[in-house]
Every structure is written in C-alpha cells, then in structure tokens.
Amino acid sequence: MKSQKSLRGITGLFVSVLVMQGCSNYEPVPVSECNKVVAHAAKVLGNFAPSHSEMMADCKKSTDNDRGCIMASTKKGQIAQCG
C-alpha cells in the first residue's frame, strides 16, 4: 500500500516536470516574422495592445523563443508570461 502511494507520487512528479518543460519551449520565430507576431499580439490583446511601433521594437529585441511564445498565445495572460 505504501509503495503504491510512493510510486504514484514519483510518477506524478515526473509527469509534472515533463508538462512544465513542454510548456516552456515554443517553436522559434525569427525576427523577420515580427510583422506577423505584432499582428497576432494586437489581435489577442485587443484594446490593451500598445502602439504598433512599440510592439515592433519589443519584438525585434525579443528572442526567437519569446516570439514563439507570443505566437502560441491565445489569451492576454499568456502573452504577459512570455519573455
């Protein structure tokens, strides 16, 4: 009984680590795709979106992974967690 609980706990921990790692790696998006990234971010953020020029400057300073994170986001809170 005790060994089953331990096994479940270890399995749960292992699965949790895998899920966290899977959520933090995004398909890299090159800086040349900033127009698409900014358009997507503006669509998701709606009225909360900063100016186009501000988002473009931020996009160009971001990493490929951060741009991928934005492209994978479908909610405002998800974008806020990128970068």
C-alpha atoms as a PDB file:
ATOM      1  CA  MET A   1       0.000   0.000   0.000  1.00  0.00           C
ATOM      2  CA  LYS A   2       2.736   2.426   0.991  1.00  0.00           C
ATOM      3  CA  SER A   3       4.829   1.511  -2.065  1.00  0.00           C
ATOM      4  CA  GLN A   4       1.849   2.191  -4.360  1.00  0.00           C
ATOM      5  CA  LYS A   5       1.457   5.696  -2.934  1.00  0.00           C
ATOM      6  CA  SER A   6       5.176   6.336  -3.371  1.00  0.00           C
ATOM      7  CA  LEU A   7       5.071   5.080  -6.947  1.00  0.00           C
ATOM      8  CA  ARG A   8       2.079   7.296  -7.737  1.00  0.00           C
ATOM      9  CA  GLY A   9       3.830  10.281  -6.197  1.00  0.00           C
ATOM     10  CA  ILE A  10       7.002   9.729  -8.202  1.00  0.00           C
ATOM     11  CA  THR A  11       5.017   9.186 -11.396  1.00  0.00           C
ATOM     12  CA  GLY A  12       3.016  12.364 -10.756  1.00  0.00           C
ATOM     13  CA  LEU A  13       6.169  14.355 -10.157  1.00  0.00           C
ATOM     14  CA  PHE A  14       7.764  13.009 -13.337  1.00  0.00           C
ATOM     15  CA  VAL A  15       4.683  13.862 -15.426  1.00  0.00           C
ATOM     16  CA  SER A  16       4.517  17.350 -13.902  1.00  0.00           C
ATOM     17  CA  VAL A  17       8.137  18.066 -14.822  1.00  0.00           C
ATOM     18  CA  LEU A  18       7.536  16.887 -18.390  1.00  0.00           C
ATOM     19  CA  VAL A  19       4.459  19.081 -18.737  1.00  0.00           C
ATOM     20  CA  MET A  20       6.290  22.145 -17.406  1.00  0.00           C
ATOM     21  CA  GLN A  21       9.175  21.584 -19.796  1.00  0.00           C
ATOM     22  CA  GLY A  22       6.800  21.110 -22.713  1.00  0.00           C
ATOM     23  CA  CYS A  23       5.032  24.371 -21.979  1.00  0.00           C
ATOM     24  CA  SER A  24       8.193  26.444 -21.834  1.00  0.00           C
ATOM     25  CA  ASN A  25       9.576  25.537 -25.257  1.00  0.00           C
ATOM     26  CA  TYR A  26       7.982  27.121 -28.277  1.00  0.00           C
ATOM     27  CA  GLU A  27       8.573  26.853 -31.988  1.00  0.00           C
ATOM     28  CA  PRO A  28      11.202  29.572 -32.562  1.00  0.00           C
ATOM     29  CA  VAL A  29      10.065  32.536 -34.647  1.00  0.00           C
ATOM     30  CA  PRO A  30      12.773  34.612 -36.393  1.00  0.00           C
ATOM     31  CA  VAL A  31      12.922  38.397 -36.175  1.00  0.00           C
ATOM     32  CA  SER A  32      11.935  38.567 -39.842  1.00  0.00           C
ATOM     33  CA  GLU A  33       8.434  37.438 -38.771  1.00  0.00           C
ATOM     34  CA  CYS A  34       7.857  40.389 -36.408  1.00  0.00           C
ATOM     35  CA  ASN A  35       5.025  41.743 -38.581  1.00  0.00           C
ATOM     36  CA  LYS A  36       3.095  38.501 -38.018  1.00  0.00           C
ATOM     37  CA  VAL A  37       3.982  38.423 -34.311  1.00  0.00           C
ATOM     38  CA  VAL A  38       2.845  42.012 -33.770  1.00  0.00           C
ATOM     39  CA  ALA A  39      -0.392  41.442 -35.700  1.00  0.00           C
ATOM     40  CA  HIS A  40      -1.145  38.339 -33.636  1.00  0.00           C
ATOM     41  CA  ALA A  41      -0.335  40.091 -30.350  1.00  0.00           C
ATOM     42  CA  ALA A  42      -2.526  43.050 -31.287  1.00  0.00           C
ATOM     43  CA  LYS A  43      -5.409  40.703 -32.096  1.00  0.00           C
ATOM     44  CA  VAL A  44      -5.081  38.843 -28.784  1.00  0.00           C
ATOM     45  CA  LEU A  45      -4.551  41.969 -26.669  1.00  0.00           C
ATOM     46  CA  GLY A  46      -7.300  43.993 -28.346  1.00  0.00           C
ATOM     47  CA  ASN A  47      -7.721  47.392 -26.679  1.00  0.00           C
ATOM     48  CA  PHE A  48      -4.891  46.587 -24.272  1.00  0.00           C
ATOM     49  CA  ALA A  49      -2.309  46.441 -27.072  1.00  0.00           C
ATOM     50  CA  PRO A  50       0.470  49.057 -27.018  1.00  0.00           C
ATOM     51  CA  SER A  51       1.193  51.057 -30.162  1.00  0.00           C
ATOM     52  CA  HIS A  52       2.307  49.175 -33.265  1.00  0.00           C
ATOM     53  CA  SER A  53       5.735  50.849 -33.208  1.00  0.00           C
ATOM     54  CA  GLU A  54       6.274  49.944 -29.544  1.00  0.00           C
ATOM     55  CA  MET A  55       5.330  46.323 -30.126  1.00  0.00           C
ATOM     56  CA  MET A  56       7.555  46.168 -33.222  1.00  0.00           C
ATOM     57  CA  ALA A  57      10.548  47.493 -31.253  1.00  0.00           C
ATOM     58  CA  ASP A  58       9.893  44.971 -28.456  1.00  0.00           C
ATOM     59  CA  CYS A  59       9.568  42.164 -30.986  1.00  0.00           C
ATOM     60  CA  LYS A  60      12.913  42.968 -32.566  1.00  0.00           C
ATOM     61  CA  LYS A  61      14.593  42.915 -29.130  1.00  0.00           C
ATOM     62  CA  SER A  62      12.979  39.606 -28.135  1.00  0.00           C
ATOM     63  CA  THR A  63      14.413  36.132 -28.564  1.00  0.00           C
ATOM     64  CA  ASP A  64      13.140  33.633 -31.123  1.00  0.00           C
ATOM     65  CA  ASN A  65      11.616  31.612 -28.265  1.00  0.00           C
ATOM     66  CA  ASP A  66       9.819  34.669 -26.848  1.00  0.00           C
ATOM     67  CA  ARG A  67       8.343  35.438 -30.273  1.00  0.00           C
ATOM     68  CA  GLY A  68       7.247  31.791 -30.490  1.00  0.00           C
ATOM     69  CA  CYS A  69       5.615  32.097 -27.088  1.00  0.00           C
ATOM     70  CA  ILE A  70       3.603  35.093 -28.288  1.00  0.00           C
ATOM     71  CA  MET A  71       2.516  33.281 -31.449  1.00  0.00           C
ATOM     72  CA  ALA A  72       1.360  30.313 -29.349  1.00  0.00           C
ATOM     73  CA  SER A  73      -0.649  32.559 -27.006  1.00  0.00           C
ATOM     74  CA  THR A  74      -4.398  32.791 -27.306  1.00  0.00           C
ATOM     75  CA  LYS A  75      -5.119  34.862 -24.175  1.00  0.00           C
ATOM     76  CA  LYS A  76      -3.815  38.123 -22.743  1.00  0.00           C
ATOM     77  CA  GLY A  77      -2.408  36.426 -19.660  1.00  0.00           C
ATOM     78  CA  GLN A  78      -0.393  34.022 -21.772  1.00  0.00           C
ATOM     79  CA  ILE A  79       1.263  36.878 -23.656  1.00  0.00           C
ATOM     80  CA  ALA A  80       2.086  38.562 -20.361  1.00  0.00           C
ATOM     81  CA  GLN A  81       4.059  35.462 -19.342  1.00  0.00           C
ATOM     82  CA  CYS A  82       6.231  35.490 -22.489  1.00  0.00           C
ATOM     83  CA  GLY A  83       9.738  36.890 -22.154  1.00  0.00           C
END
